[in-house]
């Protein structure tokens, strides 16, 4: 059975209100094969979502430090293993700090 027909069966079952077993019995399909199709489609869909998220992350963000350096500075240590420590001078733009933290920690979460 070709991929297009498999996807049609998956969509039809999802919108039919029938369980997989009921749908497969009605359409003379092997339920284990049906579950395999669904698993393959879900895996491909999840891969595409993950790839899209990774492509949307900035690979590099230039951060400019103001010309003046006040005496006060802030140290931020990320992760329990203390693998990342940032030292930020006072007066540094908070939006730039958020962007920097997102890039360094590798997630798009809001800070």
Protein backbone atom coordinates (compact mmCIF):
# COMPACT_ATOMS: atom_id res chain seq x y z
CA UNK A 1 0.00 0.00 0.00
CA UNK A 2 1.42 3.40 -0.93
CA UNK A 3 2.11 6.23 1.50
CA UNK A 4 -0.78 8.35 0.27
CA UNK A 5 -3.31 5.56 0.91
CA UNK A 6 -1.83 4.93 4.37
CA UNK A 7 -2.22 8.59 5.30
CA UNK A 8 -5.81 8.56 4.02
CA UNK A 9 -6.57 5.57 6.26
CA UNK A 10 -4.93 7.27 9.26
CA UNK A 11 -6.96 10.46 8.72
CA UNK A 12 -10.16 8.51 8.10
CA UNK A 13 -9.76 6.49 11.30
CA UNK A 14 -8.99 9.60 13.35
CA UNK A 15 -12.13 11.36 12.15
CA UNK A 16 -14.38 8.27 12.12
CA UNK A 17 -14.96 7.98 15.85
CA UNK A 18 -14.01 4.32 15.61
CA UNK A 19 -11.23 2.68 17.56
CA UNK A 20 -8.26 1.42 15.57
CA UNK A 21 -9.45 -2.16 16.02
CA UNK A 22 -12.98 -1.31 14.81
CA UNK A 23 -11.67 0.68 11.84
CA UNK A 24 -9.19 -2.03 10.83
CA UNK A 25 -11.84 -4.75 11.10
CA UNK A 26 -14.26 -2.71 8.97
CA UNK A 27 -11.59 -2.01 6.30
CA UNK A 28 -9.90 -5.42 6.47
CA UNK A 29 -6.56 -3.99 7.68
CA UNK A 30 -4.08 -5.56 10.09
CA UNK A 31 -4.21 -3.48 13.28
CA UNK A 32 -0.50 -3.99 14.04
CA UNK A 33 0.40 -2.73 10.59
CA UNK A 34 -1.93 0.25 11.15
CA UNK A 35 -0.16 1.08 14.43
CA UNK A 36 3.19 0.85 12.60
CA UNK A 37 1.98 3.33 9.95
CA UNK A 38 0.81 5.72 12.65
CA UNK A 39 4.11 5.43 14.52
CA UNK A 40 6.13 6.14 11.37
CA UNK A 41 4.02 9.20 10.53
CA UNK A 42 4.27 10.51 14.11
CA UNK A 43 8.04 10.02 14.13
CA UNK A 44 8.44 11.89 10.83
CA UNK A 45 6.16 14.69 12.03
CA UNK A 46 8.07 15.01 15.32
CA UNK A 47 11.38 15.11 13.42
CA UNK A 48 10.08 17.93 11.19
CA UNK A 49 8.90 19.91 14.24
CA UNK A 50 12.26 19.47 15.98
CA UNK A 51 14.16 20.46 12.85
CA UNK A 52 12.00 23.57 12.43
CA UNK A 53 12.58 24.58 16.06
CA UNK A 54 16.35 24.12 15.70
CA UNK A 55 16.40 26.20 12.51
CA UNK A 56 14.49 29.01 14.19
CA UNK A 57 17.09 29.39 16.97
CA UNK A 58 19.66 32.09 16.45
CA UNK A 59 23.09 30.67 15.73
CA UNK A 60 24.89 33.86 16.64
CA UNK A 61 23.83 37.07 18.36
CA UNK A 62 26.25 39.94 18.56
CA UNK A 63 26.04 41.68 21.90
CA UNK A 64 27.50 45.14 22.36
CA UNK A 65 28.79 46.24 25.74
CA UNK A 66 28.38 49.92 26.57
CA UNK A 67 31.55 51.99 26.42
CA UNK A 68 31.42 52.75 30.15
CA UNK A 69 32.07 50.09 32.74
CA UNK A 70 30.61 50.69 36.16
CA UNK A 71 32.23 49.10 39.18
CA UNK A 72 29.21 46.85 39.79
CA UNK A 73 28.92 43.63 37.87
CA UNK A 74 26.59 40.65 38.00
CA UNK A 75 27.57 37.00 37.75
CA UNK A 76 25.07 34.47 36.45
CA UNK A 77 25.86 30.77 36.64
CA UNK A 78 23.68 28.55 34.48
CA UNK A 79 23.15 24.83 35.06
CA UNK A 80 23.85 22.79 38.16
CA UNK A 81 27.29 21.76 36.92
CA UNK A 82 28.35 25.44 36.72
CA UNK A 83 29.50 24.96 33.15
CA UNK A 84 28.44 28.46 32.11
CA UNK A 85 29.18 31.67 34.01
CA UNK A 86 28.38 35.09 32.61
CA UNK A 87 29.83 38.28 34.08
CA UNK A 88 27.71 41.26 33.08
CA UNK A 89 28.55 44.88 33.87
CA UNK A 90 25.89 47.02 35.47
CA UNK A 91 23.95 49.10 32.97
CA UNK A 92 23.88 46.29 30.41
CA UNK A 93 20.62 46.31 28.44
CA UNK A 94 18.14 43.79 29.92
CA UNK A 95 16.82 42.77 26.49
CA UNK A 96 20.37 41.96 25.42
CA UNK A 97 20.83 39.86 28.59
CA UNK A 98 17.65 37.89 27.81
CA UNK A 99 18.83 37.27 24.26
CA UNK A 100 22.29 36.27 25.46
CA UNK A 101 20.83 33.81 28.00
CA UNK A 102 18.59 32.23 25.35
CA UNK A 103 21.55 31.74 23.03
CA UNK A 104 23.87 30.41 25.74
CA UNK A 105 21.34 28.01 27.23
CA UNK A 106 20.22 26.86 23.78
CA UNK A 107 16.49 27.19 24.38
CA UNK A 108 13.89 29.58 23.14
CA UNK A 109 12.26 29.89 26.54
CA UNK A 110 11.40 33.34 27.72
CA UNK A 111 13.66 34.70 30.44
